Structure formats: C-alpha cells, structure tokens
C-alpha cells in the first residue's frame, strides 16, 4: 500500500513539475489544465473566514481581502452600486466600511477585522454586478493590512458559517 501511495505521490509531483516547467506544446498540457491546477492550489492555500453580517475575508500574509458572501448578494438581489472606503482609512472590527446598494435594499458593509484599507476594487465602480456574478473572486470589495490578526479567531470557518446560514433561514 505504501509503495502505491509513493508512486502516486511521485506521479503527481512529476505532473505538477511538468505543468509548471514544460517546454512542450500547449496542446500536450493545455492552458485549461494549468488554470484548473493553479486554482486548486489557491483554493487550498487561502482559508475564508466569515462574519454573522455575511462578510468574508481571506488572508495573504498580513493582507486581508474582504467581500460579501454569496448568501448576502443573493438576498440583496441585483447589485447596482457599491460605496467603497477610502484607501488609507483606519478601521476597527465592526466599523462600517462601505455599503452595497441593490434594486431591493441598501446593506452596510462592516469590517470583519481591524486594519488599514490599502486597496479597493475599482472595477466595482464600473460594474457593481461583479459581486453577483463572482462574490468570492472578481467581486471582492477591499483589501486591508491587518493590525490585529488575532481577531480572525473570532470569525467563523466555512463549516460554522454554513450552519449559521441554515439556522438563520429557519
């Protein structure tokens, strides 16, 4: 059994190396295959945390990317405008840091952690519906440099968030 696992591990490492360093034609290891592979690695590396207000955050070093969840955008409906925070603004956990306006309602965006806003998603100024079509990728709202990373411990992991959504829907 161990020998089979070792051969599989070697095979995966070999294939991953080939994907990353191959000089062969793209038809052999097509770009689609590499994109799927890289997204899988990214998904495993970044862990999402969630708030009870339906915001999410992923961490890359000390930089957090923040947006609203699929459930939040689904409840809001078609999003037409996003109020973005100012770059350089200092915020504390729970502070209002923007708003999302839909054809149904306006929802405030609350900071899941404390820190300084270092970047906003300016693409949302042109097309706020990116939040509807891609809330976890293209629809992110802001990035911030965390001042108190320990506040992430107060947030829910994906399993706890899904349980919270089920109880909220009941």
C-alpha atoms as a PDB file:
ATOM      1  CA  UNK A   1       0.000   0.000   0.000  1.00  0.00           C
ATOM      2  CA  UNK A   2       2.800   2.412   0.901  1.00  0.00           C
ATOM      3  CA  UNK A   3       4.552   1.667  -2.398  1.00  0.00           C
ATOM      4  CA  UNK A   4       1.388   2.546  -4.336  1.00  0.00           C
ATOM      5  CA  UNK A   5       0.980   5.798  -2.390  1.00  0.00           C
ATOM      6  CA  UNK A   6       4.630   6.689  -3.061  1.00  0.00           C
ATOM      7  CA  UNK A   7       4.240   6.059  -6.805  1.00  0.00           C
ATOM      8  CA  UNK A   8       1.086   8.210  -6.837  1.00  0.00           C
ATOM      9  CA  UNK A   9       2.839  11.000  -4.953  1.00  0.00           C
ATOM     10  CA  UNK A  10       5.801  10.866  -7.354  1.00  0.00           C
ATOM     11  CA  UNK A  11       3.430  10.892 -10.311  1.00  0.00           C
ATOM     12  CA  UNK A  12       1.578  13.959  -9.005  1.00  0.00           C
ATOM     13  CA  UNK A  13       4.820  15.790  -8.287  1.00  0.00           C
ATOM     14  CA  UNK A  14       6.102  14.897 -11.760  1.00  0.00           C
ATOM     15  CA  UNK A  15       2.879  16.097 -13.426  1.00  0.00           C
ATOM     16  CA  UNK A  16       2.871  19.335 -11.415  1.00  0.00           C
ATOM     17  CA  UNK A  17       6.502  19.963 -12.366  1.00  0.00           C
ATOM     18  CA  UNK A  18       5.683  19.301 -15.990  1.00  0.00           C
ATOM     19  CA  UNK A  19       2.758  21.727 -15.817  1.00  0.00           C
ATOM     20  CA  UNK A  20       4.937  24.439 -14.383  1.00  0.00           C
ATOM     21  CA  UNK A  21       8.157  23.918 -16.361  1.00  0.00           C
ATOM     22  CA  UNK A  22       7.094  22.158 -19.538  1.00  0.00           C
ATOM     23  CA  UNK A  23       8.559  23.359 -22.824  1.00  0.00           C
ATOM     24  CA  UNK A  24       6.239  21.138 -24.806  1.00  0.00           C
ATOM     25  CA  UNK A  25       3.405  22.465 -26.941  1.00  0.00           C
ATOM     26  CA  UNK A  26       0.322  23.778 -25.129  1.00  0.00           C
ATOM     27  CA  UNK A  27      -1.782  21.007 -26.639  1.00  0.00           C
ATOM     28  CA  UNK A  28       0.081  18.449 -24.519  1.00  0.00           C
ATOM     29  CA  UNK A  29      -0.576  20.223 -21.213  1.00  0.00           C
ATOM     30  CA  UNK A  30      -3.209  22.745 -22.273  1.00  0.00           C
ATOM     31  CA  UNK A  31      -3.625  26.100 -20.584  1.00  0.00           C
ATOM     32  CA  UNK A  32      -7.023  24.983 -19.226  1.00  0.00           C
ATOM     33  CA  UNK A  33      -5.381  22.148 -17.294  1.00  0.00           C
ATOM     34  CA  UNK A  34      -2.830  24.513 -15.773  1.00  0.00           C
ATOM     35  CA  UNK A  35      -5.517  27.048 -14.823  1.00  0.00           C
ATOM     36  CA  UNK A  36      -7.553  24.371 -13.060  1.00  0.00           C
ATOM     37  CA  UNK A  37      -4.417  23.189 -11.251  1.00  0.00           C
ATOM     38  CA  UNK A  38      -3.450  26.695 -10.116  1.00  0.00           C
ATOM     39  CA  UNK A  39      -6.986  27.495  -8.892  1.00  0.00           C
ATOM     40  CA  UNK A  40      -6.999  24.293  -6.860  1.00  0.00           C
ATOM     41  CA  UNK A  41      -3.727  25.247  -5.193  1.00  0.00           C
ATOM     42  CA  UNK A  42      -5.027  28.767  -4.485  1.00  0.00           C
ATOM     43  CA  UNK A  43      -8.268  27.410  -3.020  1.00  0.00           C
ATOM     44  CA  UNK A  44      -6.327  25.135  -0.676  1.00  0.00           C
ATOM     45  CA  UNK A  45      -3.879  27.862   0.392  1.00  0.00           C
ATOM     46  CA  UNK A  46      -6.439  30.523   1.285  1.00  0.00           C
ATOM     47  CA  UNK A  47      -8.901  29.943   4.093  1.00  0.00           C
ATOM     48  CA  UNK A  48     -12.045  32.036   4.228  1.00  0.00           C
ATOM     49  CA  UNK A  49     -13.455  33.332   7.476  1.00  0.00           C
ATOM     50  CA  UNK A  50     -16.996  34.695   7.798  1.00  0.00           C
ATOM     51  CA  UNK A  51     -18.951  37.148   9.949  1.00  0.00           C
ATOM     52  CA  UNK A  52     -22.562  36.978  11.104  1.00  0.00           C
ATOM     53  CA  UNK A  53     -23.147  40.028   8.881  1.00  0.00           C
ATOM     54  CA  UNK A  54     -22.257  37.896   5.825  1.00  0.00           C
ATOM     55  CA  UNK A  55     -18.834  39.339   5.050  1.00  0.00           C
ATOM     56  CA  UNK A  56     -15.895  37.095   4.184  1.00  0.00           C
ATOM     57  CA  UNK A  57     -12.151  37.591   4.479  1.00  0.00           C
ATOM     58  CA  UNK A  58      -9.182  35.669   3.105  1.00  0.00           C
ATOM     59  CA  UNK A  59      -5.656  36.250   4.323  1.00  0.00           C
ATOM     60  CA  UNK A  60      -2.451  36.557   2.302  1.00  0.00           C
ATOM     61  CA  UNK A  61       0.330  37.265   4.796  1.00  0.00           C
ATOM     62  CA  UNK A  62      -0.964  40.265   6.746  1.00  0.00           C
ATOM     63  CA  UNK A  63      -3.251  41.460   3.936  1.00  0.00           C
ATOM     64  CA  UNK A  64      -6.922  40.549   4.119  1.00  0.00           C
ATOM     65  CA  UNK A  65      -9.255  40.579   1.107  1.00  0.00           C
ATOM     66  CA  UNK A  66     -12.851  41.334   2.077  1.00  0.00           C
ATOM     67  CA  UNK A  67     -16.200  40.964   0.333  1.00  0.00           C
ATOM     68  CA  UNK A  68     -19.773  39.859   0.897  1.00  0.00           C
ATOM     69  CA  UNK A  69     -20.897  36.259   0.764  1.00  0.00           C
ATOM     70  CA  UNK A  70     -22.960  34.517  -1.870  1.00  0.00           C
ATOM     71  CA  UNK A  71     -25.874  34.416   0.583  1.00  0.00           C
ATOM     72  CA  UNK A  72     -25.715  38.193   1.131  1.00  0.00           C
ATOM     73  CA  UNK A  73     -25.650  39.040  -2.567  1.00  0.00           C
ATOM     74  CA  UNK A  74     -28.447  36.534  -3.181  1.00  0.00           C
ATOM     75  CA  UNK A  75     -30.663  38.191  -0.556  1.00  0.00           C
ATOM     76  CA  UNK A  76     -29.861  41.682  -1.861  1.00  0.00           C
ATOM     77  CA  UNK A  77     -30.605  40.793  -5.473  1.00  0.00           C
ATOM     78  CA  UNK A  78     -29.148  42.711  -8.404  1.00  0.00           C
ATOM     79  CA  UNK A  79     -26.403  44.984  -7.028  1.00  0.00           C
ATOM     80  CA  UNK A  80     -26.272  48.382  -8.729  1.00  0.00           C
ATOM     81  CA  UNK A  81     -23.840  50.432  -6.620  1.00  0.00           C
ATOM     82  CA  UNK A  82     -21.039  49.878  -4.106  1.00  0.00           C
ATOM     83  CA  UNK A  83     -19.779  52.560  -1.748  1.00  0.00           C
ATOM     84  CA  UNK A  84     -16.069  51.864  -1.317  1.00  0.00           C
ATOM     85  CA  UNK A  85     -13.979  53.040   1.661  1.00  0.00           C
ATOM     86  CA  UNK A  86     -11.113  55.490   1.285  1.00  0.00           C
ATOM     87  CA  UNK A  87      -7.666  53.983   0.750  1.00  0.00           C
ATOM     88  CA  UNK A  88      -5.599  54.719   3.861  1.00  0.00           C
ATOM     89  CA  UNK A  89      -8.601  54.727   6.205  1.00  0.00           C
ATOM     90  CA  UNK A  90      -8.012  53.074   9.597  1.00  0.00           C
ATOM     91  CA  UNK A  91     -10.894  50.870  10.716  1.00  0.00           C
ATOM     92  CA  UNK A  92     -11.693  48.760  13.751  1.00  0.00           C
ATOM     93  CA  UNK A  93     -13.502  45.450  13.830  1.00  0.00           C
ATOM     94  CA  UNK A  94     -17.239  46.084  13.441  1.00  0.00           C
ATOM     95  CA  UNK A  95     -16.864  49.589  11.946  1.00  0.00           C
ATOM     96  CA  UNK A  96     -18.910  50.444   8.888  1.00  0.00           C
ATOM     97  CA  UNK A  97     -16.575  50.401   5.890  1.00  0.00           C
ATOM     98  CA  UNK A  98     -18.904  50.812   2.945  1.00  0.00           C
ATOM     99  CA  UNK A  99     -22.317  49.952   1.588  1.00  0.00           C
ATOM    100  CA  UNK A 100     -23.836  47.774  -1.111  1.00  0.00           C
ATOM    101  CA  UNK A 101     -26.947  49.034  -2.895  1.00  0.00           C
ATOM    102  CA  UNK A 102     -29.274  46.774  -4.835  1.00  0.00           C
ATOM    103  CA  UNK A 103     -32.607  47.230  -6.552  1.00  0.00           C
ATOM    104  CA  UNK A 104     -34.217  45.873  -3.334  1.00  0.00           C
ATOM    105  CA  UNK A 105     -32.259  47.460  -0.480  1.00  0.00           C
ATOM    106  CA  UNK A 106     -29.048  49.008   0.822  1.00  0.00           C
ATOM    107  CA  UNK A 107     -26.794  46.926   3.036  1.00  0.00           C
ATOM    108  CA  UNK A 108     -23.947  48.270   5.153  1.00  0.00           C
ATOM    109  CA  UNK A 109     -20.553  46.599   4.967  1.00  0.00           C
ATOM    110  CA  UNK A 110     -18.849  46.048   8.327  1.00  0.00           C
ATOM    111  CA  UNK A 111     -15.144  45.455   8.872  1.00  0.00           C
ATOM    112  CA  UNK A 112     -14.508  41.876   9.977  1.00  0.00           C
ATOM    113  CA  UNK A 113     -11.102  42.838  11.456  1.00  0.00           C
ATOM    114  CA  UNK A 114      -9.129  45.952  12.385  1.00  0.00           C
ATOM    115  CA  UNK A 115      -6.623  47.473   9.993  1.00  0.00           C
ATOM    116  CA  UNK A 116      -5.861  49.973   7.267  1.00  0.00           C
ATOM    117  CA  UNK A 117      -7.555  49.922   3.869  1.00  0.00           C
ATOM    118  CA  UNK A 118      -4.755  49.555   1.311  1.00  0.00           C
ATOM    119  CA  UNK A 119      -6.752  48.870  -1.871  1.00  0.00           C
ATOM    120  CA  UNK A 120     -10.311  48.960  -3.172  1.00  0.00           C
ATOM    121  CA  UNK A 121     -11.783  47.091  -6.131  1.00  0.00           C
ATOM    122  CA  UNK A 122     -12.257  49.982  -8.571  1.00  0.00           C
ATOM    123  CA  UNK A 123     -13.804  47.573 -11.107  1.00  0.00           C
ATOM    124  CA  UNK A 124     -16.931  47.694  -8.928  1.00  0.00           C
ATOM    125  CA  UNK A 125     -17.364  51.395  -9.752  1.00  0.00           C
ATOM    126  CA  UNK A 126     -17.893  50.419 -13.382  1.00  0.00           C
ATOM    127  CA  UNK A 127     -19.732  47.140 -12.804  1.00  0.00           C
ATOM    128  CA  UNK A 128     -21.136  46.556  -9.318  1.00  0.00           C
ATOM    129  CA  UNK A 129     -22.820  43.365 -10.551  1.00  0.00           C
ATOM    130  CA  UNK A 130     -19.415  41.626 -10.323  1.00  0.00           C
ATOM    131  CA  UNK A 131     -20.453  40.933  -6.740  1.00  0.00           C
ATOM    132  CA  UNK A 132     -23.474  38.996  -8.038  1.00  0.00           C
ATOM    133  CA  UNK A 133     -21.570  37.051 -10.668  1.00  0.00           C
ATOM    134  CA  UNK A 134     -18.403  36.361  -8.672  1.00  0.00           C
ATOM    135  CA  UNK A 135     -18.686  37.282  -4.968  1.00  0.00           C
ATOM    136  CA  UNK A 136     -15.539  35.401  -3.924  1.00  0.00           C
ATOM    137  CA  UNK A 137     -13.213  36.208  -6.824  1.00  0.00           C
ATOM    138  CA  UNK A 138     -13.858  39.268  -9.022  1.00  0.00           C
ATOM    139  CA  UNK A 139     -16.391  40.792  -6.612  1.00  0.00           C
ATOM    140  CA  UNK A 140     -14.059  41.445  -3.663  1.00  0.00           C
ATOM    141  CA  UNK A 141     -14.550  44.903  -2.175  1.00  0.00           C
ATOM    142  CA  UNK A 142     -11.407  45.941  -0.311  1.00  0.00           C
ATOM    143  CA  UNK A 143      -8.014  44.809   0.882  1.00  0.00           C
ATOM    144  CA  UNK A 144      -6.640  45.806   4.220  1.00  0.00           C
ATOM    145  CA  UNK A 145      -3.440  45.433   6.176  1.00  0.00           C
ATOM    146  CA  UNK A 146      -4.468  43.779   9.422  1.00  0.00           C
ATOM    147  CA  UNK A 147      -3.412  45.462  12.654  1.00  0.00           C
ATOM    148  CA  UNK A 148      -4.851  42.726  14.916  1.00  0.00           C
ATOM    149  CA  UNK A 149      -4.673  39.351  13.105  1.00  0.00           C
ATOM    150  CA  UNK A 150      -5.837  37.610  16.296  1.00  0.00           C
ATOM    151  CA  UNK A 151      -9.330  38.973  15.567  1.00  0.00           C
ATOM    152  CA  UNK A 152      -9.613  36.318  12.837  1.00  0.00           C
ATOM    153  CA  UNK A 153     -10.091  33.794  15.658  1.00  0.00           C
ATOM    154  CA  UNK A 154     -13.449  35.454  16.442  1.00  0.00           C
ATOM    155  CA  UNK A 155     -14.778  34.685  12.944  1.00  0.00           C
ATOM    156  CA  UNK A 156     -16.466  31.532  11.634  1.00  0.00           C
ATOM    157  CA  UNK A 157     -14.865  28.975   9.337  1.00  0.00           C
ATOM    158  CA  UNK A 158     -16.836  27.791   6.312  1.00  0.00           C
ATOM    159  CA  UNK A 159     -18.498  24.877   8.103  1.00  0.00           C
ATOM    160  CA  UNK A 160     -19.669  27.054  11.002  1.00  0.00           C
ATOM    161  CA  UNK A 161     -20.873  29.723   8.573  1.00  0.00           C
ATOM    162  CA  UNK A 162     -22.958  27.219   6.588  1.00  0.00           C
ATOM    163  CA  UNK A 163     -24.538  26.011   9.842  1.00  0.00           C
ATOM    164  CA  UNK A 164     -25.228  29.654  10.794  1.00  0.00           C
ATOM    165  CA  UNK A 165     -26.916  30.294   7.413  1.00  0.00           C
ATOM    166  CA  UNK A 166     -29.128  27.212   7.855  1.00  0.00           C
ATOM    167  CA  UNK A 167     -30.289  28.346  11.301  1.00  0.00           C
ATOM    168  CA  UNK A 168     -30.862  31.879  10.030  1.00  0.00           C
ATOM    169  CA  UNK A 169     -33.015  30.595   7.147  1.00  0.00           C
ATOM    170  CA  UNK A 170     -35.143  28.517   9.529  1.00  0.00           C
END
